[in-house]
Amino acid sequence: MSCLCLIQCGYIGLRFLRYKFSPWLTLAIAPIKLLTSSKVQRTREHIRYMRAISRIDFVGVYTLLNDLLW
């Protein structure tokens, strides 16, 4: 019973991490794909890049940077 509970908690944790880090991974990968793609694929990558930017909570990022600097 406890093993099953740990596995389920692990899945929930990994899903949460994937949800939080996916915009950052997209921001890291999309510019490289923009350089190597052409025409329609470039437009798709550009849209994907802009959607990733809109999903990031910049207030949280600025708060973290402010805490680190001061």
PDB file of N, CA and C in Angstrom:
ATOM      1  N   MET A   1       0.816  -1.193   0.000  1.00  0.00           N
ATOM      2  CA  MET A   1       0.000   0.000   0.000  1.00  0.00           C
ATOM      3  C   MET A   1       0.860   1.258   0.000  1.00  0.00           C
ATOM      4  N   SER A   2       1.877   1.316   0.853  1.00  0.00           N
ATOM      5  CA  SER A   2       2.700   2.512   0.938  1.00  0.00           C
ATOM      6  C   SER A   2       3.562   2.685  -0.314  1.00  0.00           C
ATOM      7  N   CYS A   3       3.972   1.577  -0.916  1.00  0.00           N
ATOM      8  CA  CYS A   3       4.758   1.659  -2.139  1.00  0.00           C
ATOM      9  C   CYS A   3       3.937   2.283  -3.265  1.00  0.00           C
ATOM     10  N   LEU A   4       2.689   1.894  -3.361  1.00  0.00           N
ATOM     11  CA  LEU A   4       1.803   2.446  -4.377  1.00  0.00           C
ATOM     12  C   LEU A   4       1.581   3.933  -4.144  1.00  0.00           C
ATOM     13  N   CYS A   5       1.449   4.306  -2.886  1.00  0.00           N
ATOM     14  CA  CYS A   5       1.260   5.714  -2.542  1.00  0.00           C
ATOM     15  C   CYS A   5       2.496   6.530  -2.935  1.00  0.00           C
ATOM     16  N   LEU A   6       3.683   6.001  -2.679  1.00  0.00           N
ATOM     17  CA  LEU A   6       4.916   6.698  -3.047  1.00  0.00           C
ATOM     18  C   LEU A   6       5.036   6.857  -4.554  1.00  0.00           C
ATOM     19  N   ILE A   7       4.644   5.836  -5.294  1.00  0.00           N
ATOM     20  CA  ILE A   7       4.700   5.914  -6.757  1.00  0.00           C
ATOM     21  C   ILE A   7       3.728   6.972  -7.258  1.00  0.00           C
ATOM     22  N   GLN A   8       2.518   7.011  -6.712  1.00  0.00           N
ATOM     23  CA  GLN A   8       1.539   8.007  -7.127  1.00  0.00           C
ATOM     24  C   GLN A   8       2.007   9.409  -6.769  1.00  0.00           C
ATOM     25  N   CYS A   9       2.586   9.585  -5.601  1.00  0.00           N
ATOM     26  CA  CYS A   9       3.123  10.897  -5.213  1.00  0.00           C
ATOM     27  C   CYS A   9       4.266  11.302  -6.132  1.00  0.00           C
ATOM     28  N   GLY A  10       5.082  10.339  -6.529  1.00  0.00           N
ATOM     29  CA  GLY A  10       6.175  10.614  -7.457  1.00  0.00           C
ATOM     30  C   GLY A  10       5.671  11.065  -8.811  1.00  0.00           C
ATOM     31  N   TYR A  11       4.620  10.407  -9.303  1.00  0.00           N
ATOM     32  CA  TYR A  11       4.038  10.811 -10.579  1.00  0.00           C
ATOM     33  C   TYR A  11       3.469  12.223 -10.515  1.00  0.00           C
ATOM     34  N   ILE A  12       2.820  12.538  -9.411  1.00  0.00           N
ATOM     35  CA  ILE A  12       2.252  13.886  -9.254  1.00  0.00           C
ATOM     36  C   ILE A  12       3.373  14.919  -9.201  1.00  0.00           C
ATOM     37  N   GLY A  13       4.435  14.598  -8.483  1.00  0.00           N
ATOM     38  CA  GLY A  13       5.573  15.512  -8.402  1.00  0.00           C
ATOM     39  C   GLY A  13       6.234  15.722  -9.749  1.00  0.00           C
ATOM     40  N   LEU A  14       6.427  14.639 -10.498  1.00  0.00           N
ATOM     41  CA  LEU A  14       7.041  14.778 -11.825  1.00  0.00           C
ATOM     42  C   LEU A  14       6.145  15.552 -12.780  1.00  0.00           C
ATOM     43  N   ARG A  15       4.854  15.346 -12.690  1.00  0.00           N
ATOM     44  CA  ARG A  15       3.916  16.089 -13.539  1.00  0.00           C
ATOM     45  C   ARG A  15       3.974  17.573 -13.207  1.00  0.00           C
ATOM     46  N   PHE A  16       4.057  17.904 -11.919  1.00  0.00           N
ATOM     47  CA  PHE A  16       4.157  19.301 -11.499  1.00  0.00           C
ATOM     48  C   PHE A  16       5.448  19.933 -12.015  1.00  0.00           C
ATOM     49  N   LEU A  17       6.560  19.211 -11.894  1.00  0.00           N
ATOM     50  CA  LEU A  17       7.831  19.745 -12.389  1.00  0.00           C
ATOM     51  C   LEU A  17       7.804  19.942 -13.902  1.00  0.00           C
ATOM     52  N   ARG A  18       7.217  18.992 -14.619  1.00  0.00           N
ATOM     53  CA  ARG A  18       7.120  19.129 -16.072  1.00  0.00           C
ATOM     54  C   ARG A  18       6.281  20.344 -16.442  1.00  0.00           C
ATOM     55  N   TYR A  19       5.197  20.576 -15.706  1.00  0.00           N
ATOM     56  CA  TYR A  19       4.342  21.726 -15.964  1.00  0.00           C
ATOM     57  C   TYR A  19       5.089  23.033 -15.709  1.00  0.00           C
ATOM     58  N   LYS A  20       5.902  23.070 -14.663  1.00  0.00           N
ATOM     59  CA  LYS A  20       6.625  24.294 -14.320  1.00  0.00           C
ATOM     60  C   LYS A  20       7.819  24.551 -15.245  1.00  0.00           C
ATOM     61  N   PHE A  21       8.505  23.501 -15.698  1.00  0.00           N
ATOM     62  CA  PHE A  21       9.720  23.680 -16.480  1.00  0.00           C
ATOM     63  C   PHE A  21       9.515  23.661 -17.988  1.00  0.00           C
ATOM     64  N   SER A  22       8.340  23.256 -18.452  1.00  0.00           N
ATOM     65  CA  SER A  22       8.147  23.147 -19.896  1.00  0.00           C
ATOM     66  C   SER A  22       8.288  24.484 -20.627  1.00  0.00           C
ATOM     67  N   PRO A  23       7.808  25.620 -20.093  1.00  0.00           N
ATOM     68  CA  PRO A  23       8.045  26.874 -20.815  1.00  0.00           C
ATOM     69  C   PRO A  23       9.527  27.224 -20.920  1.00  0.00           C
ATOM     70  N   TRP A  24      10.276  26.911 -19.868  1.00  0.00           N
ATOM     71  CA  TRP A  24      11.703  27.226 -19.896  1.00  0.00           C
ATOM     72  C   TRP A  24      12.445  26.346 -20.900  1.00  0.00           C
ATOM     73  N   LEU A  25      12.063  25.089 -20.985  1.00  0.00           N
ATOM     74  CA  LEU A  25      12.679  24.208 -21.981  1.00  0.00           C
ATOM     75  C   LEU A  25      12.351  24.661 -23.393  1.00  0.00           C
ATOM     76  N   THR A  26      11.111  25.101 -23.591  1.00  0.00           N
ATOM     77  CA  THR A  26      10.720  25.603 -24.906  1.00  0.00           C
ATOM     78  C   THR A  26      11.515  26.847 -25.256  1.00  0.00           C
ATOM     79  N   LEU A  27      11.735  27.722 -24.293  1.00  0.00           N
ATOM     80  CA  LEU A  27      12.530  28.926 -24.556  1.00  0.00           C
ATOM     81  C   LEU A  27      13.979  28.588 -24.884  1.00  0.00           C
ATOM     82  N   ALA A  28      14.461  27.496 -24.383  1.00  0.00           N
ATOM     83  CA  ALA A  28      15.837  27.091 -24.676  1.00  0.00           C
ATOM     84  C   ALA A  28      15.946  26.425 -26.046  1.00  0.00           C
ATOM     85  N   ILE A  29      14.933  25.677 -26.448  1.00  0.00           N
ATOM     86  CA  ILE A  29      14.993  24.890 -27.682  1.00  0.00           C
ATOM     87  C   ILE A  29      14.494  25.665 -28.896  1.00  0.00           C
ATOM     88  N   ALA A  30      13.463  26.494 -28.734  1.00  0.00           N
ATOM     89  CA  ALA A  30      12.823  27.164 -29.868  1.00  0.00           C
ATOM     90  C   ALA A  30      13.768  28.058 -30.679  1.00  0.00           C
ATOM     91  N   PRO A  31      14.645  28.852 -30.072  1.00  0.00           N
ATOM     92  CA  PRO A  31      15.539  29.679 -30.908  1.00  0.00           C
ATOM     93  C   PRO A  31      16.453  28.846 -31.809  1.00  0.00           C
ATOM     94  N   ILE A  32      16.878  27.707 -31.338  1.00  0.00           N
ATOM     95  CA  ILE A  32      17.726  26.841 -32.164  1.00  0.00           C
ATOM     96  C   ILE A  32      16.918  26.308 -33.338  1.00  0.00           C
ATOM     97  N   LYS A  33      15.682  25.904 -33.064  1.00  0.00           N
ATOM     98  CA  LYS A  33      14.826  25.418 -34.144  1.00  0.00           C
ATOM     99  C   LYS A  33      14.460  26.533 -35.113  1.00  0.00           C
ATOM    100  N   LEU A  34      14.325  27.775 -34.623  1.00  0.00           N
ATOM    101  CA  LEU A  34      14.032  28.896 -35.511  1.00  0.00           C
ATOM    102  C   LEU A  34      15.162  29.113 -36.510  1.00  0.00           C
ATOM    103  N   LEU A  35      16.383  28.925 -36.067  1.00  0.00           N
ATOM    104  CA  LEU A  35      17.525  29.113 -36.965  1.00  0.00           C
ATOM    105  C   LEU A  35      17.608  28.041 -38.043  1.00  0.00           C
ATOM    106  N   THR A  36      17.162  26.848 -37.719  1.00  0.00           N
ATOM    107  CA  THR A  36      17.334  25.742 -38.655  1.00  0.00           C
ATOM    108  C   THR A  36      16.094  25.422 -39.485  1.00  0.00           C
ATOM    109  N   SER A  37      14.943  26.015 -39.150  1.00  0.00           N
ATOM    110  CA  SER A  37      13.715  25.681 -39.868  1.00  0.00           C
ATOM    111  C   SER A  37      13.449  26.696 -40.980  1.00  0.00           C
ATOM    112  N   SER A  38      12.469  26.375 -41.821  1.00  0.00           N
ATOM    113  CA  SER A  38      12.123  27.268 -42.918  1.00  0.00           C
ATOM    114  C   SER A  38      10.617  27.358 -43.076  1.00  0.00           C
ATOM    115  N   LYS A  39      10.156  28.488 -43.551  1.00  0.00           N
ATOM    116  CA  LYS A  39       8.783  28.821 -43.904  1.00  0.00           C
ATOM    117  C   LYS A  39       7.746  28.445 -42.854  1.00  0.00           C
ATOM    118  N   VAL A  40       6.893  27.468 -43.133  1.00  0.00           N
ATOM    119  CA  VAL A  40       5.778  27.149 -42.250  1.00  0.00           C
ATOM    120  C   VAL A  40       6.281  26.662 -40.891  1.00  0.00           C
ATOM    121  N   GLN A  41       7.313  25.863 -40.889  1.00  0.00           N
ATOM    122  CA  GLN A  41       7.860  25.350 -39.629  1.00  0.00           C
ATOM    123  C   GLN A  41       8.427  26.496 -38.792  1.00  0.00           C
ATOM    124  N   ARG A  42       9.011  27.504 -39.425  1.00  0.00           N
ATOM    125  CA  ARG A  42       9.529  28.662 -38.700  1.00  0.00           C
ATOM    126  C   ARG A  42       8.389  29.436 -38.035  1.00  0.00           C
ATOM    127  N   THR A  43       7.273  29.570 -38.745  1.00  0.00           N
ATOM    128  CA  THR A  43       6.112  30.249 -38.176  1.00  0.00           C
ATOM    129  C   THR A  43       5.591  29.482 -36.962  1.00  0.00           C
ATOM    130  N   ARG A  44       5.540  28.166 -37.075  1.00  0.00           N
ATOM    131  CA  ARG A  44       5.089  27.343 -35.945  1.00  0.00           C
ATOM    132  C   ARG A  44       6.015  27.485 -34.748  1.00  0.00           C
ATOM    133  N   GLU A  45       7.305  27.502 -34.989  1.00  0.00           N
ATOM    134  CA  GLU A  45       8.265  27.650 -33.891  1.00  0.00           C
ATOM    135  C   GLU A  45       8.167  29.031 -33.257  1.00  0.00           C
ATOM    136  N   HIS A  46       7.906  30.036 -34.070  1.00  0.00           N
ATOM    137  CA  HIS A  46       7.753  31.382 -33.543  1.00  0.00           C
ATOM    138  C   HIS A  46       6.523  31.446 -32.628  1.00  0.00           C
ATOM    139  N   ILE A  47       5.419  30.851 -33.042  1.00  0.00           N
ATOM    140  CA  ILE A  47       4.211  30.814 -32.221  1.00  0.00           C
ATOM    141  C   ILE A  47       4.472  30.039 -30.931  1.00  0.00           C
ATOM    142  N   ARG A  48       5.166  28.936 -31.043  1.00  0.00           N
ATOM    143  CA  ARG A  48       5.485  28.124 -29.865  1.00  0.00           C
ATOM    144  C   ARG A  48       6.336  28.921 -28.871  1.00  0.00           C
ATOM    145  N   TYR A  49       7.284  29.687 -29.391  1.00  0.00           N
ATOM    146  CA  TYR A  49       8.153  30.519 -28.566  1.00  0.00           C
ATOM    147  C   TYR A  49       7.342  31.598 -27.842  1.00  0.00           C
ATOM    148  N   MET A  50       6.436  32.252 -28.553  1.00  0.00           N
ATOM    149  CA  MET A  50       5.620  33.305 -27.947  1.00  0.00           C
ATOM    150  C   MET A  50       4.649  32.734 -26.906  1.00  0.00           C
ATOM    151  N   ARG A  51       4.103  31.551 -27.153  1.00  0.00           N
ATOM    152  CA  ARG A  51       3.228  30.921 -26.164  1.00  0.00           C
ATOM    153  C   ARG A  51       4.003  30.568 -24.898  1.00  0.00           C
ATOM    154  N   ALA A  52       5.242  30.143 -25.055  1.00  0.00           N
ATOM    155  CA  ALA A  52       6.066  29.817 -23.886  1.00  0.00           C
ATOM    156  C   ALA A  52       6.358  31.069 -23.064  1.00  0.00           C
ATOM    157  N   ILE A  53       6.622  32.175 -23.735  1.00  0.00           N
ATOM    158  CA  ILE A  53       6.865  33.429 -23.023  1.00  0.00           C
ATOM    159  C   ILE A  53       5.626  33.847 -22.244  1.00  0.00           C
ATOM    160  N   SER A  54       4.455  33.653 -22.840  1.00  0.00           N
ATOM    161  CA  SER A  54       3.230  34.076 -22.150  1.00  0.00           C
ATOM    162  C   SER A  54       2.906  33.196 -20.953  1.00  0.00           C
ATOM    163  N   ARG A  55       3.423  31.980 -20.887  1.00  0.00           N
ATOM    164  CA  ARG A  55       3.133  31.069 -19.775  1.00  0.00           C
ATOM    165  C   ARG A  55       4.047  31.270 -18.571  1.00  0.00           C
ATOM    166  N   ILE A  56       5.111  32.018 -18.726  1.00  0.00           N
ATOM    167  CA  ILE A  56       6.069  32.191 -17.635  1.00  0.00           C
ATOM    168  C   ILE A  56       5.584  33.283 -16.685  1.00  0.00           C
ATOM    169  N   ASP A  57       5.672  33.010 -15.405  1.00  0.00           N
ATOM    170  CA  ASP A  57       5.297  33.972 -14.373  1.00  0.00           C
ATOM    171  C   ASP A  57       6.517  34.852 -14.085  1.00  0.00           C
ATOM    172  N   PHE A  58       6.590  35.996 -14.765  1.00  0.00           N
ATOM    173  CA  PHE A  58       7.761  36.852 -14.615  1.00  0.00           C
ATOM    174  C   PHE A  58       7.799  37.562 -13.270  1.00  0.00           C
ATOM    175  N   VAL A  59       6.658  37.720 -12.628  1.00  0.00           N
ATOM    176  CA  VAL A  59       6.646  38.323 -11.296  1.00  0.00           C
ATOM    177  C   VAL A  59       7.411  37.428 -10.326  1.00  0.00           C
ATOM    178  N   GLY A  60       7.198  36.129 -10.431  1.00  0.00           N
ATOM    179  CA  GLY A  60       7.942  35.197  -9.581  1.00  0.00           C
ATOM    180  C   GLY A  60       9.431  35.216  -9.879  1.00  0.00           C
ATOM    181  N   VAL A  61       9.773  35.331 -11.149  1.00  0.00           N
ATOM    182  CA  VAL A  61      11.189  35.386 -11.535  1.00  0.00           C
ATOM    183  C   VAL A  61      11.835  36.653 -10.989  1.00  0.00           C
ATOM    184  N   TYR A  62      11.152  37.786 -11.135  1.00  0.00           N
ATOM    185  CA  TYR A  62      11.700  39.044 -10.625  1.00  0.00           C
ATOM    186  C   TYR A  62      11.818  39.033  -9.101  1.00  0.00           C
ATOM    187  N   THR A  63      10.862  38.407  -8.434  1.00  0.00           N
ATOM    188  CA  THR A  63      10.937  38.289  -6.976  1.00  0.00           C
ATOM    189  C   THR A  63      12.146  37.458  -6.560  1.00  0.00           C
ATOM    190  N   LEU A  64      12.368  36.363  -7.257  1.00  0.00           N
ATOM    191  CA  LEU A  64      13.533  35.539  -6.964  1.00  0.00           C
ATOM    192  C   LEU A  64      14.821  36.294  -7.202  1.00  0.00           C
ATOM    193  N   LEU A  65      14.920  37.015  -8.315  1.00  0.00           N
ATOM    194  CA  LEU A  65      16.127  37.786  -8.594  1.00  0.00           C
ATOM    195  C   LEU A  65      16.322  38.893  -7.557  1.00  0.00           C
ATOM    196  N   ASN A  66      15.248  39.511  -7.142  1.00  0.00           N
ATOM    197  CA  ASN A  66      15.344  40.556  -6.122  1.00  0.00           C
ATOM    198  C   ASN A  66      15.848  39.976  -4.800  1.00  0.00           C
ATOM    199  N   ASP A  67      15.352  38.800  -4.426  1.00  0.00           N
ATOM    200  CA  ASP A  67      15.817  38.148  -3.201  1.00  0.00           C
ATOM    201  C   ASP A  67      17.289  37.763  -3.300  1.00  0.00           C
ATOM    202  N   LEU A  68      17.712  37.349  -4.468  1.00  0.00           N
ATOM    203  CA  LEU A  68      19.111  36.954  -4.630  1.00  0.00           C
ATOM    204  C   LEU A  68      20.047  38.154  -4.615  1.00  0.00           C
ATOM    205  N   LEU A  69      19.583  39.288  -5.143  1.00  0.00           N
ATOM    206  CA  LEU A  69      20.447  40.467  -5.205  1.00  0.00           C
ATOM    207  C   LEU A  69      20.500  41.228  -3.879  1.00  0.00           C
ATOM    208  N   TRP A  70      19.430  41.231  -3.138  1.00  0.00           N
ATOM    209  CA  TRP A  70      19.405  42.026  -1.910  1.00  0.00           C
ATOM    210  C   TRP A  70      19.362  41.131  -0.764  1.00  0.00           C
TER     211      TRP A  70
END
